[in-house]
Every structure is written in C-alpha cells, then in structure tokens.
C-alpha cells in the first residue's frame, strides 16, 4: 500500500522515472547518493526509496535531531551521525552490518549541501571493512530521473572510488548545480 502510494506520487504526479538496476538480490550494501546539493535531495530521495520499495536507513548529521524534528526523522528511517568528534563511525556502521542479516545504509559522501571539492571517505571504508558492495545512485533534476547503478565492489583505492563518484555526479543535474562537481 505505502509503496504504491509513493509510486503514484513520485512517478505519476511528479513525473519522475527510475533508471538502472534496483538491488533486490543483495542483502547488505552501502547506498551512496550523489549529488547532494539541497535539502530537497532528501525529499526526492526519500520518496524514490519508498516508491522503489527499498528498506534503507539514511544517515544524517545529528545536528538535525532536535525535538520535534529528531522524532519525525526517525519515523522516516533516518539515523543520526555525530560528525563533530571522533566516534569510530566506520567501525560502528561496519559492526551493524555484521550484526544484521539484511541492512542497507544511505550515505551522501559530499558531506554538505554546499560546494566541496572532496568526497568524504566513510562510505568506502565501511564497504571495505564490512565486505559489502556499493550501490551508487542519484537524482537528475533536469531529466526528472533517479538513476541506480549496479552494485559494485569498492575500488582498489579510495581515490579511485571517489573519482568514480565524481564522474557519476557530473552526469547528473543537481537541484543546485553550482553546489556540486564541475568540469
């Protein structure tokens, strides 16, 4: 019922379409979403996740978890992450993958909605440590499409992996293009 409701809103009313492969046969993976340039990315991304019937935990900076937003965020499948101090984030999330038979976690490795020339490395090291695949996805606001790439193993080095994410991000038109990677 819920999935059909969001399919109607996202695909019919809003006119978006899904491109690529939905990871239905994989029990554990890191869902990496790029580009991330606006708070609207969360709204459209969350609707896409619901419309596609995916059970994904979205990791968000804990500064957003003030009452009542924190309570509401948890209802939406969002979990807080403390980015202000060292908390062994990679180890903690990798342990969650070890302890669960099925788990998908969404991370936006740009780390901010403003322009940043770098990709944060947490997604990569979680995938390596937990020995799980990476599924890259992103919205293209110009074409109203949500692309999901096939699951893949982390590349040999973080630098190679980050370069791959940046290349993918450049093929998407972000909600605020000035806040993402440029040629």
C-alpha atoms as a PDB file:
ATOM      1  CA  UNK A   1       0.000   0.000   0.000  1.00  0.00           C
ATOM      2  CA  UNK A   2       2.669   2.509   1.025  1.00  0.00           C
ATOM      3  CA  UNK A   3       4.893   1.679  -1.950  1.00  0.00           C
ATOM      4  CA  UNK A   4       2.004   2.069  -4.416  1.00  0.00           C
ATOM      5  CA  UNK A   5       1.108   5.421  -2.830  1.00  0.00           C
ATOM      6  CA  UNK A   6       4.650   6.736  -3.284  1.00  0.00           C
ATOM      7  CA  UNK A   7       4.920   5.257  -6.775  1.00  0.00           C
ATOM      8  CA  UNK A   8       1.812   7.230  -7.709  1.00  0.00           C
ATOM      9  CA  UNK A   9       3.153  10.475  -6.208  1.00  0.00           C
ATOM     10  CA  UNK A  10       6.769  10.158  -7.377  1.00  0.00           C
ATOM     11  CA  UNK A  11       6.331   8.605 -10.806  1.00  0.00           C
ATOM     12  CA  UNK A  12       2.836   9.710 -11.867  1.00  0.00           C
ATOM     13  CA  UNK A  13       2.141  13.065 -10.219  1.00  0.00           C
ATOM     14  CA  UNK A  14       5.707  14.407 -10.097  1.00  0.00           C
ATOM     15  CA  UNK A  15       6.720  12.757 -13.393  1.00  0.00           C
ATOM     16  CA  UNK A  16       9.994  11.162 -12.270  1.00  0.00           C
ATOM     17  CA  UNK A  17      11.330   7.939 -13.715  1.00  0.00           C
ATOM     18  CA  UNK A  18      13.736   5.337 -12.442  1.00  0.00           C
ATOM     19  CA  UNK A  19      16.775   4.303 -14.472  1.00  0.00           C
ATOM     20  CA  UNK A  20      19.094   1.416 -13.724  1.00  0.00           C
ATOM     21  CA  UNK A  21      19.069  -1.667 -11.566  1.00  0.00           C
ATOM     22  CA  UNK A  22      17.364  -1.879  -8.172  1.00  0.00           C
ATOM     23  CA  UNK A  23      19.455  -4.029  -5.770  1.00  0.00           C
ATOM     24  CA  UNK A  24      16.766  -6.558  -4.830  1.00  0.00           C
ATOM     25  CA  UNK A  25      19.016  -9.634  -4.626  1.00  0.00           C
ATOM     26  CA  UNK A  26      21.583  -8.098  -2.251  1.00  0.00           C
ATOM     27  CA  UNK A  27      21.003  -8.273   1.495  1.00  0.00           C
ATOM     28  CA  UNK A  28      23.674  -5.759   2.556  1.00  0.00           C
ATOM     29  CA  UNK A  29      25.070  -2.707   0.799  1.00  0.00           C
ATOM     30  CA  UNK A  30      26.062   0.948   1.123  1.00  0.00           C
ATOM     31  CA  UNK A  31      23.737   3.171  -0.899  1.00  0.00           C
ATOM     32  CA  UNK A  32      25.831   6.174  -1.972  1.00  0.00           C
ATOM     33  CA  UNK A  33      23.771   9.162  -3.132  1.00  0.00           C
ATOM     34  CA  UNK A  34      25.360  11.923  -5.230  1.00  0.00           C
ATOM     35  CA  UNK A  35      24.980  14.766  -5.954  1.00  0.00           C
ATOM     36  CA  UNK A  36      23.721  16.234  -2.688  1.00  0.00           C
ATOM     37  CA  UNK A  37      23.206  19.993  -3.073  1.00  0.00           C
ATOM     38  CA  UNK A  38      19.900  20.858  -1.406  1.00  0.00           C
ATOM     39  CA  UNK A  39      17.541  19.773   1.357  1.00  0.00           C
ATOM     40  CA  UNK A  40      15.168  18.846  -1.468  1.00  0.00           C
ATOM     41  CA  UNK A  41      17.531  15.971  -2.301  1.00  0.00           C
ATOM     42  CA  UNK A  42      16.333  14.305   0.892  1.00  0.00           C
ATOM     43  CA  UNK A  43      12.674  14.781  -0.010  1.00  0.00           C
ATOM     44  CA  UNK A  44      13.026  13.401  -3.534  1.00  0.00           C
ATOM     45  CA  UNK A  45      15.484  10.701  -2.490  1.00  0.00           C
ATOM     46  CA  UNK A  46      13.236   9.522   0.326  1.00  0.00           C
ATOM     47  CA  UNK A  47      10.230   9.419  -1.992  1.00  0.00           C
ATOM     48  CA  UNK A  48      12.269   7.449  -4.564  1.00  0.00           C
ATOM     49  CA  UNK A  49      13.344   4.959  -1.882  1.00  0.00           C
ATOM     50  CA  UNK A  50       9.720   4.474  -0.789  1.00  0.00           C
ATOM     51  CA  UNK A  51       8.421   4.275  -4.378  1.00  0.00           C
ATOM     52  CA  UNK A  52      11.055   1.658  -5.221  1.00  0.00           C
ATOM     53  CA  UNK A  53      10.194  -0.359  -2.120  1.00  0.00           C
ATOM     54  CA  UNK A  54      13.689  -0.217  -0.633  1.00  0.00           C
ATOM     55  CA  UNK A  55      14.346  -0.590   3.080  1.00  0.00           C
ATOM     56  CA  UNK A  56      17.223   1.854   3.550  1.00  0.00           C
ATOM     57  CA  UNK A  57      18.466   3.603   6.683  1.00  0.00           C
ATOM     58  CA  UNK A  58      19.509   7.169   5.876  1.00  0.00           C
ATOM     59  CA  UNK A  59      22.430   8.551   7.884  1.00  0.00           C
ATOM     60  CA  UNK A  60      22.217  12.295   8.635  1.00  0.00           C
ATOM     61  CA  UNK A  61      24.262  14.680  10.783  1.00  0.00           C
ATOM     62  CA  UNK A  62      22.928  14.593  14.340  1.00  0.00           C
ATOM     63  CA  UNK A  63      22.565  18.394  14.494  1.00  0.00           C
ATOM     64  CA  UNK A  64      19.219  17.915  12.702  1.00  0.00           C
ATOM     65  CA  UNK A  65      17.924  15.754  15.554  1.00  0.00           C
ATOM     66  CA  UNK A  66      16.375  18.413  17.765  1.00  0.00           C
ATOM     67  CA  UNK A  67      12.837  17.989  19.002  1.00  0.00           C
ATOM     68  CA  UNK A  68      10.440  17.561  17.200  1.00  0.00           C
ATOM     69  CA  UNK A  69      12.472  17.108  14.011  1.00  0.00           C
ATOM     70  CA  UNK A  70      14.530  14.276  15.508  1.00  0.00           C
ATOM     71  CA  UNK A  71      11.422  12.315  16.404  1.00  0.00           C
ATOM     72  CA  UNK A  72       9.931  12.832  12.951  1.00  0.00           C
ATOM     73  CA  UNK A  73      13.248  11.983  11.249  1.00  0.00           C
ATOM     74  CA  UNK A  74      13.384   8.616  12.991  1.00  0.00           C
ATOM     75  CA  UNK A  75       9.890   7.857  11.675  1.00  0.00           C
ATOM     76  CA  UNK A  76      11.293   8.450   8.184  1.00  0.00           C
ATOM     77  CA  UNK A  77      14.088   5.882   8.695  1.00  0.00           C
ATOM     78  CA  UNK A  78      16.792   8.448   9.397  1.00  0.00           C
ATOM     79  CA  UNK A  79      19.576   7.762  11.904  1.00  0.00           C
ATOM     80  CA  UNK A  80      21.863  10.411  13.458  1.00  0.00           C
ATOM     81  CA  UNK A  81      25.622  10.554  12.945  1.00  0.00           C
ATOM     82  CA  UNK A  82      27.920  12.640  15.161  1.00  0.00           C
ATOM     83  CA  UNK A  83      30.394  14.395  12.826  1.00  0.00           C
ATOM     84  CA  UNK A  84      31.829  16.811  15.402  1.00  0.00           C
ATOM     85  CA  UNK A  85      34.056  14.315  17.210  1.00  0.00           C
ATOM     86  CA  UNK A  86      35.779  11.031  16.531  1.00  0.00           C
ATOM     87  CA  UNK A  87      33.294   8.267  17.270  1.00  0.00           C
ATOM     88  CA  UNK A  88      34.694   5.305  15.288  1.00  0.00           C
ATOM     89  CA  UNK A  89      31.854   5.844  12.819  1.00  0.00           C
ATOM     90  CA  UNK A  90      33.266   3.383  10.278  1.00  0.00           C
ATOM     91  CA  UNK A  91      33.712   0.649  12.894  1.00  0.00           C
ATOM     92  CA  UNK A  92      30.263   1.282  14.337  1.00  0.00           C
ATOM     93  CA  UNK A  93      28.455   1.031  10.991  1.00  0.00           C
ATOM     94  CA  UNK A  94      30.579  -1.951   9.887  1.00  0.00           C
ATOM     95  CA  UNK A  95      29.590  -3.690  13.144  1.00  0.00           C
ATOM     96  CA  UNK A  96      25.918  -3.035  12.306  1.00  0.00           C
ATOM     97  CA  UNK A  97      26.435  -4.845   9.004  1.00  0.00           C
ATOM     98  CA  UNK A  98      27.999  -7.794  10.842  1.00  0.00           C
ATOM     99  CA  UNK A  99      25.116  -7.962  13.336  1.00  0.00           C
ATOM    100  CA  UNK A 100      22.268  -7.792  10.790  1.00  0.00           C
ATOM    101  CA  UNK A 101      21.271 -10.278   8.119  1.00  0.00           C
ATOM    102  CA  UNK A 102      19.822  -7.508   5.952  1.00  0.00           C
ATOM    103  CA  UNK A 103      20.935  -3.891   6.021  1.00  0.00           C
ATOM    104  CA  UNK A 104      21.174  -1.048   3.521  1.00  0.00           C
ATOM    105  CA  UNK A 105      22.549   2.308   4.628  1.00  0.00           C
ATOM    106  CA  UNK A 106      22.401   5.519   2.581  1.00  0.00           C
ATOM    107  CA  UNK A 107      25.294   7.967   2.819  1.00  0.00           C
ATOM    108  CA  UNK A 108      25.825  11.262   0.988  1.00  0.00           C
ATOM    109  CA  UNK A 109      29.630  11.419   0.794  1.00  0.00           C
ATOM    110  CA  UNK A 110      29.799  15.044  -0.281  1.00  0.00           C
ATOM    111  CA  UNK A 111      29.179  15.740   3.399  1.00  0.00           C
ATOM    112  CA  UNK A 112      27.441  19.060   2.814  1.00  0.00           C
ATOM    113  CA  UNK A 113      24.905  20.713   0.567  1.00  0.00           C
ATOM    114  CA  UNK A 114      27.391  23.459  -0.261  1.00  0.00           C
ATOM    115  CA  UNK A 115      30.141  23.001  -2.838  1.00  0.00           C
ATOM    116  CA  UNK A 116      33.055  20.909  -1.641  1.00  0.00           C
ATOM    117  CA  UNK A 117      35.789  19.664  -3.973  1.00  0.00           C
ATOM    118  CA  UNK A 118      36.171  16.468  -1.933  1.00  0.00           C
ATOM    119  CA  UNK A 119      34.280  13.282  -1.183  1.00  0.00           C
ATOM    120  CA  UNK A 120      34.212  12.007   2.407  1.00  0.00           C
ATOM    121  CA  UNK A 121      35.765   8.554   2.736  1.00  0.00           C
ATOM    122  CA  UNK A 122      33.475   6.896   5.309  1.00  0.00           C
ATOM    123  CA  UNK A 123      31.301   5.054   2.766  1.00  0.00           C
ATOM    124  CA  UNK A 124      34.393   3.478   1.191  1.00  0.00           C
ATOM    125  CA  UNK A 125      35.963   2.270   4.416  1.00  0.00           C
ATOM    126  CA  UNK A 126      32.647   0.911   5.707  1.00  0.00           C
ATOM    127  CA  UNK A 127      32.220  -1.092   2.491  1.00  0.00           C
ATOM    128  CA  UNK A 128      35.786  -2.400   2.730  1.00  0.00           C
ATOM    129  CA  UNK A 129      35.608  -3.247   6.428  1.00  0.00           C
ATOM    130  CA  UNK A 130      32.146  -4.889   6.221  1.00  0.00           C
ATOM    131  CA  UNK A 131      32.989  -6.555   2.884  1.00  0.00           C
ATOM    132  CA  UNK A 132      29.817  -5.266   1.234  1.00  0.00           C
ATOM    133  CA  UNK A 133      29.073  -3.745  -2.181  1.00  0.00           C
ATOM    134  CA  UNK A 134      28.442  -0.113  -3.013  1.00  0.00           C
ATOM    135  CA  UNK A 135      25.314   0.964  -4.902  1.00  0.00           C
ATOM    136  CA  UNK A 136      25.679   4.444  -6.412  1.00  0.00           C
ATOM    137  CA  UNK A 137      22.506   6.411  -7.090  1.00  0.00           C
ATOM    138  CA  UNK A 138      21.481   9.965  -7.726  1.00  0.00           C
ATOM    139  CA  UNK A 139      18.796  12.346  -8.882  1.00  0.00           C
ATOM    140  CA  UNK A 140      18.908  14.196 -12.189  1.00  0.00           C
ATOM    141  CA  UNK A 141      16.587  17.161 -11.713  1.00  0.00           C
ATOM    142  CA  UNK A 142      16.856  18.294 -15.351  1.00  0.00           C
ATOM    143  CA  UNK A 143      15.507  14.991 -16.665  1.00  0.00           C
ATOM    144  CA  UNK A 144      13.416  14.057 -13.604  1.00  0.00           C
ATOM    145  CA  UNK A 145      15.196  10.734 -13.355  1.00  0.00           C
ATOM    146  CA  UNK A 146      16.599   8.769 -10.446  1.00  0.00           C
ATOM    147  CA  UNK A 147      19.496   6.580 -11.573  1.00  0.00           C
ATOM    148  CA  UNK A 148      20.663   3.492  -9.691  1.00  0.00           C
ATOM    149  CA  UNK A 149      23.899   1.893 -10.885  1.00  0.00           C
ATOM    150  CA  UNK A 150      24.578  -1.843 -10.492  1.00  0.00           C
ATOM    151  CA  UNK A 151      26.138  -2.890  -7.196  1.00  0.00           C
ATOM    152  CA  UNK A 152      29.926  -2.988  -7.302  1.00  0.00           C
ATOM    153  CA  UNK A 153      32.811  -3.771  -5.011  1.00  0.00           C
ATOM    154  CA  UNK A 154      34.845  -0.866  -3.605  1.00  0.00           C
ATOM    155  CA  UNK A 155      37.674   0.026  -5.965  1.00  0.00           C
ATOM    156  CA  UNK A 156      41.324  -0.678  -5.103  1.00  0.00           C
ATOM    157  CA  UNK A 157      41.865   2.747  -3.532  1.00  0.00           C
ATOM    158  CA  UNK A 158      39.630   5.424  -2.052  1.00  0.00           C
ATOM    159  CA  UNK A 159      40.983   7.929  -4.581  1.00  0.00           C
ATOM    160  CA  UNK A 160      39.818   5.751  -7.496  1.00  0.00           C
ATOM    161  CA  UNK A 161      36.429   5.226  -5.886  1.00  0.00           C
ATOM    162  CA  UNK A 162      35.954   8.923  -5.149  1.00  0.00           C
ATOM    163  CA  UNK A 163      36.912   9.799  -8.732  1.00  0.00           C
ATOM    164  CA  UNK A 164      34.248   7.346  -9.955  1.00  0.00           C
ATOM    165  CA  UNK A 165      31.602   9.024  -7.757  1.00  0.00           C
ATOM    166  CA  UNK A 166      32.611  12.450  -9.034  1.00  0.00           C
ATOM    167  CA  UNK A 167      32.380  11.234 -12.656  1.00  0.00           C
ATOM    168  CA  UNK A 168      28.869   9.871 -11.981  1.00  0.00           C
ATOM    169  CA  UNK A 169      27.850  13.059 -10.183  1.00  0.00           C
ATOM    170  CA  UNK A 170      28.875  15.130 -13.209  1.00  0.00           C
ATOM    171  CA  UNK A 171      26.387  13.177 -15.358  1.00  0.00           C
ATOM    172  CA  UNK A 172      23.516  14.276 -13.098  1.00  0.00           C
ATOM    173  CA  UNK A 173      21.968  17.739 -12.939  1.00  0.00           C
ATOM    174  CA  UNK A 174      21.773  18.597  -9.249  1.00  0.00           C
ATOM    175  CA  UNK A 175      18.950  20.613  -7.722  1.00  0.00           C
ATOM    176  CA  UNK A 176      21.543  23.369  -7.205  1.00  0.00           C
ATOM    177  CA  UNK A 177      24.210  22.699  -9.867  1.00  0.00           C
ATOM    178  CA  UNK A 178      26.511  25.398  -8.515  1.00  0.00           C
ATOM    179  CA  UNK A 179      26.958  23.287  -5.343  1.00  0.00           C
ATOM    180  CA  UNK A 180      28.350  20.159  -6.971  1.00  0.00           C
ATOM    181  CA  UNK A 181      31.313  18.998  -9.034  1.00  0.00           C
ATOM    182  CA  UNK A 182      32.158  20.898 -12.175  1.00  0.00           C
ATOM    183  CA  UNK A 183      34.165  20.111 -15.292  1.00  0.00           C
END
